[in-house]
PDB file of N, CA and C in Angstrom:
ATOM      1  N   MET A   1      -1.644 -24.509  20.099  1.00  0.00           N
ATOM      2  CA  MET A   1      -2.722 -23.493  19.016  1.00  0.00           C
ATOM      3  C   MET A   1      -1.782 -23.678  18.083  1.00  0.00           C
ATOM      4  N   VAL A   2      -2.539 -24.017  16.406  1.00  0.00           N
ATOM      5  CA  VAL A   2      -2.413 -24.067  15.195  1.00  0.00           C
ATOM      6  C   VAL A   2      -2.349 -22.630  14.437  1.00  0.00           C
ATOM      7  N   THR A   3      -1.192 -22.255  14.046  1.00  0.00           N
ATOM      8  CA  THR A   3      -1.446 -21.107  13.185  1.00  0.00           C
ATOM      9  C   THR A   3      -1.356 -21.081  11.751  1.00  0.00           C
ATOM     10  N   ARG A   4      -2.562 -20.942  11.236  1.00  0.00           N
ATOM     11  CA  ARG A   4      -2.844 -21.455   9.652  1.00  0.00           C
ATOM     12  C   ARG A   4      -3.411 -20.165   8.850  1.00  0.00           C
ATOM     13  N   LYS A   5      -3.040 -19.566   7.717  1.00  0.00           N
ATOM     14  CA  LYS A   5      -3.754 -19.316   6.840  1.00  0.00           C
ATOM     15  C   LYS A   5      -5.292 -18.815   6.478  1.00  0.00           C
ATOM     16  N   TYR A   6      -5.978 -17.968   7.302  1.00  0.00           N
ATOM     17  CA  TYR A   6      -7.334 -18.425   6.775  1.00  0.00           C
ATOM     18  C   TYR A   6      -7.928 -17.654   5.313  1.00  0.00           C
ATOM     19  N   TRP A   7      -7.043 -16.836   4.660  1.00  0.00           N
ATOM     20  CA  TRP A   7      -7.685 -15.809   3.885  1.00  0.00           C
ATOM     21  C   TRP A   7      -5.996 -15.634   2.652  1.00  0.00           C
ATOM     22  N   ASP A   8      -6.856 -15.192   1.737  1.00  0.00           N
ATOM     23  CA  ASP A   8      -5.821 -15.624   0.190  1.00  0.00           C
ATOM     24  C   ASP A   8      -6.524 -14.247  -0.598  1.00  0.00           C
ATOM     25  N   ILE A   9      -5.778 -13.250  -1.316  1.00  0.00           N
ATOM     26  CA  ILE A   9      -5.854 -12.444  -2.330  1.00  0.00           C
ATOM     27  C   ILE A   9      -5.917 -13.017  -3.765  1.00  0.00           C
ATOM     28  N   SER A  10      -6.915 -13.117  -4.430  1.00  0.00           N
ATOM     29  CA  SER A  10      -6.957 -13.759  -5.629  1.00  0.00           C
ATOM     30  C   SER A  10      -5.981 -12.699  -6.795  1.00  0.00           C
ATOM     31  N   THR A  11      -5.622 -12.629  -7.776  1.00  0.00           N
ATOM     32  CA  THR A  11      -5.082 -12.126  -8.703  1.00  0.00           C
ATOM     33  C   THR A  11      -6.124 -11.839  -9.961  1.00  0.00           C
ATOM     34  N   ASP A  12      -6.763 -13.325 -10.160  1.00  0.00           N
ATOM     35  CA  ASP A  12      -7.384 -13.552 -11.588  1.00  0.00           C
ATOM     36  C   ASP A  12      -9.081 -13.053 -11.228  1.00  0.00           C
ATOM     37  N   GLY A  13      -9.418 -12.366  -9.488  1.00  0.00           N
ATOM     38  CA  GLY A  13     -10.901 -11.492  -9.475  1.00  0.00           C
ATOM     39  C   GLY A  13     -11.553 -10.863 -10.613  1.00  0.00           C
ATOM     40  N   ILE A  14     -12.461 -10.640 -10.084  1.00  0.00           N
ATOM     41  CA  ILE A  14     -13.718  -9.952 -11.015  1.00  0.00           C
ATOM     42  C   ILE A  14     -13.096  -8.227 -10.872  1.00  0.00           C
ATOM     43  N   TYR A  15     -12.106  -8.404  -9.484  1.00  0.00           N
ATOM     44  CA  TYR A  15     -12.015  -6.876  -9.529  1.00  0.00           C
ATOM     45  C   TYR A  15     -10.760  -6.329 -10.486  1.00  0.00           C
ATOM     46  N   LEU A  16     -10.322  -7.033 -11.142  1.00  0.00           N
ATOM     47  CA  LEU A  16      -8.797  -6.685 -11.761  1.00  0.00           C
ATOM     48  C   LEU A  16      -9.089  -7.606 -13.268  1.00  0.00           C
ATOM     49  N   LYS A  17      -9.840  -7.301 -13.955  1.00  0.00           N
ATOM     50  CA  LYS A  17     -10.413  -7.662 -15.176  1.00  0.00           C
ATOM     51  C   LYS A  17      -9.521  -6.558 -15.895  1.00  0.00           C
ATOM     52  N   ASN A  18      -9.348  -6.686 -16.793  1.00  0.00           N
ATOM     53  CA  ASN A  18      -7.951  -5.928 -18.264  1.00  0.00           C
ATOM     54  C   ASN A  18      -7.147  -5.407 -17.688  1.00  0.00           C
ATOM     55  N   LYS A  19      -6.460  -6.085 -16.510  1.00  0.00           N
ATOM     56  CA  LYS A  19      -5.260  -6.116 -16.022  1.00  0.00           C
ATOM     57  C   LYS A  19      -3.983  -5.494 -17.309  1.00  0.00           C
ATOM     58  N   PRO A  20      -3.532  -4.252 -16.949  1.00  0.00           N
ATOM     59  CA  PRO A  20      -2.457  -4.416 -18.138  1.00  0.00           C
ATOM     60  C   PRO A  20      -1.320  -4.919 -18.167  1.00  0.00           C
ATOM     61  N   LYS A  21      -0.427  -5.019 -18.891  1.00  0.00           N
ATOM     62  CA  LYS A  21       0.637  -6.377 -19.340  1.00  0.00           C
ATOM     63  C   LYS A  21       1.760  -5.397 -18.905  1.00  0.00           C
ATOM     64  N   LYS A  22       2.207  -4.192 -19.694  1.00  0.00           N
ATOM     65  CA  LYS A  22       3.151  -3.580 -19.201  1.00  0.00           C
ATOM     66  C   LYS A  22       2.665  -2.809 -17.728  1.00  0.00           C
ATOM     67  N   SER A  23       4.845  -2.748 -17.272  1.00  0.00           N
ATOM     68  CA  SER A  23       4.300  -2.278 -15.863  1.00  0.00           C
ATOM     69  C   SER A  23       4.068  -0.626 -15.849  1.00  0.00           C
ATOM     70  N   CYS A  24       4.466   0.216 -16.530  1.00  0.00           N
ATOM     71  CA  CYS A  24       4.601   1.496 -16.521  1.00  0.00           C
ATOM     72  C   CYS A  24       3.026   1.874 -16.376  1.00  0.00           C
ATOM     73  N   LYS A  25       1.977   1.107 -16.650  1.00  0.00           N
ATOM     74  CA  LYS A  25       0.483   1.689 -17.044  1.00  0.00           C
ATOM     75  C   LYS A  25      -0.367   0.944 -15.328  1.00  0.00           C
ATOM     76  N   GLN A  26       0.757  -0.061 -15.029  1.00  0.00           N
ATOM     77  CA  GLN A  26       0.190  -0.804 -13.693  1.00  0.00           C
ATOM     78  C   GLN A  26      -0.170  -0.077 -12.420  1.00  0.00           C
ATOM     79  N   ILE A  27       0.552   1.531 -12.428  1.00  0.00           N
ATOM     80  CA  ILE A  27      -0.015   2.446 -11.250  1.00  0.00           C
ATOM     81  C   ILE A  27      -0.881   2.883 -11.676  1.00  0.00           C
ATOM     82  N   ASP A  28      -0.819   3.126 -12.526  1.00  0.00           N
ATOM     83  CA  ASP A  28      -2.277   4.243 -12.846  1.00  0.00           C
ATOM     84  C   ASP A  28      -3.680   3.265 -12.792  1.00  0.00           C
ATOM     85  N   PHE A  29      -3.908   2.017 -13.514  1.00  0.00           N
ATOM     86  CA  PHE A  29      -4.483   1.002 -12.874  1.00  0.00           C
ATOM     87  C   PHE A  29      -5.063   1.025 -12.346  1.00  0.00           C
ATOM     88  N   TYR A  30      -4.059   0.346 -11.152  1.00  0.00           N
ATOM     89  CA  TYR A  30      -4.824   0.467  -9.512  1.00  0.00           C
ATOM     90  C   TYR A  30      -5.061   1.836  -8.939  1.00  0.00           C
ATOM     91  N   LYS A  31      -4.020   2.755  -9.328  1.00  0.00           N
ATOM     92  CA  LYS A  31      -5.569   3.537  -8.791  1.00  0.00           C
ATOM     93  C   LYS A  31      -6.590   4.223  -9.289  1.00  0.00           C
ATOM     94  N   GLU A  32      -7.044   4.204 -10.263  1.00  0.00           N
ATOM     95  CA  GLU A  32      -8.428   3.987 -10.871  1.00  0.00           C
ATOM     96  C   GLU A  32      -8.634   2.787 -10.081  1.00  0.00           C
ATOM     97  N   LYS A  33      -8.878   1.887  -9.795  1.00  0.00           N
ATOM     98  CA  LYS A  33      -9.365   0.679  -9.565  1.00  0.00           C
ATOM     99  C   LYS A  33     -10.077   0.858  -8.200  1.00  0.00           C
ATOM    100  N   LEU A  34      -8.733   1.530  -7.270  1.00  0.00           N
ATOM    101  CA  LEU A  34      -8.632   1.316  -5.965  1.00  0.00           C
ATOM    102  C   LEU A  34      -9.832   2.682  -5.629  1.00  0.00           C
ATOM    103  N   TYR A  35     -10.071   3.700  -6.126  1.00  0.00           N
ATOM    104  CA  TYR A  35     -10.653   4.827  -6.420  1.00  0.00           C
ATOM    105  C   TYR A  35     -12.394   4.208  -6.648  1.00  0.00           C
ATOM    106  N   GLU A  36     -12.322   3.425  -7.794  1.00  0.00           N
ATOM    107  CA  GLU A  36     -13.848   2.837  -8.406  1.00  0.00           C
ATOM    108  C   GLU A  36     -14.205   1.851  -7.029  1.00  0.00           C
ATOM    109  N   LEU A  37     -13.669   1.075  -6.377  1.00  0.00           N
ATOM    110  CA  LEU A  37     -13.899   0.528  -5.544  1.00  0.00           C
ATOM    111  C   LEU A  37     -14.483   1.143  -4.305  1.00  0.00           C
ATOM    112  N   MET A  38     -13.415   2.123  -3.538  1.00  0.00           N
ATOM    113  CA  MET A  38     -14.106   2.929  -2.450  1.00  0.00           C
ATOM    114  C   MET A  38     -15.204   3.890  -3.012  1.00  0.00           C
ATOM    115  N   GLU A  39     -14.940   4.217  -3.668  1.00  0.00           N
ATOM    116  CA  GLU A  39     -16.116   5.069  -4.466  1.00  0.00           C
ATOM    117  C   GLU A  39     -17.903   4.691  -4.065  1.00  0.00           C
ATOM    118  N   LYS A  40     -17.330   3.346  -4.504  1.00  0.00           N
ATOM    119  CA  LYS A  40     -18.310   2.059  -4.665  1.00  0.00           C
ATOM    120  C   LYS A  40     -19.471   1.727  -3.373  1.00  0.00           C
ATOM    121  N   ALA A  41     -18.005   1.501  -2.614  1.00  0.00           N
ATOM    122  CA  ALA A  41     -18.445   0.957  -1.123  1.00  0.00           C
ATOM    123  C   ALA A  41     -18.776   1.917  -0.190  1.00  0.00           C
ATOM    124  N   VAL A  42     -18.694   3.766  -0.383  1.00  0.00           N
ATOM    125  CA  VAL A  42     -18.620   4.162   0.260  1.00  0.00           C
ATOM    126  C   VAL A  42     -20.680   4.739  -0.019  1.00  0.00           C
ATOM    127  N   LEU A  43     -20.803   4.606  -1.270  1.00  0.00           N
ATOM    128  CA  LEU A  43     -22.073   5.270  -1.951  1.00  0.00           C
ATOM    129  C   LEU A  43     -23.097   4.132  -1.294  1.00  0.00           C
ATOM    130  N   LYS A  44     -22.685   2.954  -1.451  1.00  0.00           N
ATOM    131  CA  LYS A  44     -23.610   1.750  -0.821  1.00  0.00           C
ATOM    132  C   LYS A  44     -23.998   2.120   0.259  1.00  0.00           C
ATOM    133  N   ARG A  45     -23.289   2.513   1.487  1.00  0.00           N
ATOM    134  CA  ARG A  45     -23.371   3.160   2.777  1.00  0.00           C
ATOM    135  C   ARG A  45     -23.801   4.540   2.731  1.00  0.00           C
ATOM    136  N   LEU A  46     -24.093   5.003   1.993  1.00  0.00           N
ATOM    137  CA  LEU A  46     -24.884   6.020   2.492  1.00  0.00           C
ATOM    138  C   LEU A  46     -26.238   6.121   1.950  1.00  0.00           C
ATOM    139  N   ILE A  47     -27.014   5.062   1.437  1.00  0.00           N
ATOM    140  CA  ILE A  47     -28.166   5.344   1.634  1.00  0.00           C
ATOM    141  C   ILE A  47     -28.930   4.856   3.093  1.00  0.00           C
ATOM    142  N   SER A  48     -29.954   5.849   3.600  1.00  0.00           N
ATOM    143  CA  SER A  48     -30.578   6.033   4.766  1.00  0.00           C
ATOM    144  C   SER A  48     -31.405   6.465   4.780  1.00  0.00           C
ATOM    145  N   ASP A  49     -32.421   6.248   6.139  1.00  0.00           N
ATOM    146  CA  ASP A  49     -33.373   7.170   5.929  1.00  0.00           C
ATOM    147  C   ASP A  49     -33.449   8.338   7.270  1.00  0.00           C
ATOM    148  N   VAL A  50     -31.769   8.700   7.705  1.00  0.00           N
ATOM    149  CA  VAL A  50     -31.547   9.423   8.651  1.00  0.00           C
ATOM    150  C   VAL A  50     -30.109  10.290   8.408  1.00  0.00           C
ATOM    151  N   GLN A  51     -30.331  11.060   9.052  1.00  0.00           N
ATOM    152  CA  GLN A  51     -28.986  11.529   8.396  1.00  0.00           C
ATOM    153  C   GLN A  51     -27.553  10.896   8.846  1.00  0.00           C
ATOM    154  N   LEU A  52     -26.585  10.897   7.986  1.00  0.00           N
ATOM    155  CA  LEU A  52     -25.244  10.900   8.251  1.00  0.00           C
ATOM    156  C   LEU A  52     -24.357  11.159   8.837  1.00  0.00           C
ATOM    157  N   GLY A  53     -23.515  10.343   9.751  1.00  0.00           N
ATOM    158  CA  GLY A  53     -22.526  11.475  10.038  1.00  0.00           C
ATOM    159  C   GLY A  53     -21.114  10.458  10.080  1.00  0.00           C
ATOM    160  N   ALA A  54     -20.036  10.557  10.437  1.00  0.00           N
ATOM    161  CA  ALA A  54     -18.429   9.814  10.374  1.00  0.00           C
ATOM    162  C   ALA A  54     -17.690  10.573  11.722  1.00  0.00           C
ATOM    163  N   PHE A  55     -16.986   9.664  12.212  1.00  0.00           N
ATOM    164  CA  PHE A  55     -15.904   9.957  13.105  1.00  0.00           C
ATOM    165  C   PHE A  55     -14.796   9.976  12.233  1.00  0.00           C
ATOM    166  N   LEU A  56     -14.235  11.202  12.752  1.00  0.00           N
ATOM    167  CA  LEU A  56     -12.924  11.226  12.222  1.00  0.00           C
ATOM    168  C   LEU A  56     -11.420  10.766  12.903  1.00  0.00           C
ATOM    169  N   SER A  57     -10.697  10.100  12.386  1.00  0.00           N
ATOM    170  CA  SER A  57      -9.406  10.125  13.757  1.00  0.00           C
ATOM    171  C   SER A  57      -8.472  10.150  13.275  1.00  0.00           C
ATOM    172  N   GLY A  58      -8.243  11.607  12.327  1.00  0.00           N
ATOM    173  CA  GLY A  58      -7.028  12.322  11.639  1.00  0.00           C
ATOM    174  C   GLY A  58      -6.534  11.574  10.812  1.00  0.00           C
ATOM    175  N   GLY A  59      -6.380  10.117  10.095  1.00  0.00           N
ATOM    176  CA  GLY A  59      -6.050   9.497   9.541  1.00  0.00           C
ATOM    177  C   GLY A  59      -6.440   9.598   8.351  1.00  0.00           C
ATOM    178  N   ILE A  60      -5.958   9.422   7.395  1.00  0.00           N
ATOM    179  CA  ILE A  60      -5.576   8.743   5.707  1.00  0.00           C
ATOM    180  C   ILE A  60      -7.177   8.056   5.241  1.00  0.00           C
ATOM    181  N   ASP A  61      -7.594   7.346   6.181  1.00  0.00           N
ATOM    182  CA  ASP A  61      -8.523   6.387   5.341  1.00  0.00           C
ATOM    183  C   ASP A  61      -9.809   7.062   5.759  1.00  0.00           C
ATOM    184  N   SER A  62     -10.036   8.065   6.817  1.00  0.00           N
ATOM    185  CA  SER A  62     -10.846   8.503   7.589  1.00  0.00           C
ATOM    186  C   SER A  62     -11.177   9.591   6.859  1.00  0.00           C
ATOM    187  N   SER A  63     -10.147  10.335   6.303  1.00  0.00           N
ATOM    188  CA  SER A  63     -10.220  11.411   5.360  1.00  0.00           C
ATOM    189  C   SER A  63     -10.917  11.082   3.991  1.00  0.00           C
ATOM    190  N   ILE A  64     -10.432   9.821   3.845  1.00  0.00           N
ATOM    191  CA  ILE A  64     -10.471   9.598   2.215  1.00  0.00           C
ATOM    192  C   ILE A  64     -12.288   9.252   2.144  1.00  0.00           C
ATOM    193  N   ILE A  65     -12.797   8.880   3.378  1.00  0.00           N
ATOM    194  CA  ILE A  65     -14.031   8.185   3.408  1.00  0.00           C
ATOM    195  C   ILE A  65     -15.028   9.414   3.223  1.00  0.00           C
ATOM    196  N   VAL A  66     -14.681  10.560   4.010  1.00  0.00           N
ATOM    197  CA  VAL A  66     -15.434  11.923   4.400  1.00  0.00           C
ATOM    198  C   VAL A  66     -15.398  12.558   3.468  1.00  0.00           C
ATOM    199  N   GLY A  67     -14.037  12.382   2.220  1.00  0.00           N
ATOM    200  CA  GLY A  67     -14.265  13.243   1.105  1.00  0.00           C
ATOM    201  C   GLY A  67     -15.211  12.212  -0.016  1.00  0.00           C
ATOM    202  N   LEU A  68     -14.950  11.182   0.004  1.00  0.00           N
ATOM    203  CA  LEU A  68     -16.173  10.426  -0.948  1.00  0.00           C
ATOM    204  C   LEU A  68     -17.523  10.962  -0.833  1.00  0.00           C
ATOM    205  N   MET A  69     -17.844  10.608   0.810  1.00  0.00           N
ATOM    206  CA  MET A  69     -18.974  11.137   0.880  1.00  0.00           C
ATOM    207  C   MET A  69     -19.663  12.466   1.226  1.00  0.00           C
ATOM    208  N   ALA A  70     -18.457  13.490   0.458  1.00  0.00           N
ATOM    209  CA  ALA A  70     -19.046  14.614   0.448  1.00  0.00           C
ATOM    210  C   ALA A  70     -19.587  15.284  -1.316  1.00  0.00           C
TER     211      ALA A  70
END
């Protein structure tokens, strides 16, 4: 059995355009980017001909998704 890395996170990808150079603004920058990406992902999946629902596990991830669905 061989263990190898099959993924890599690119730091110069299209999602990180206009990355701030000062560290004091980085947290806010990444918060906004994360919110934008999550909102786009949820809205993309809300397109349907039938009613949609969600299973809640009680975790923060499912709560965020349902909150964005609302």
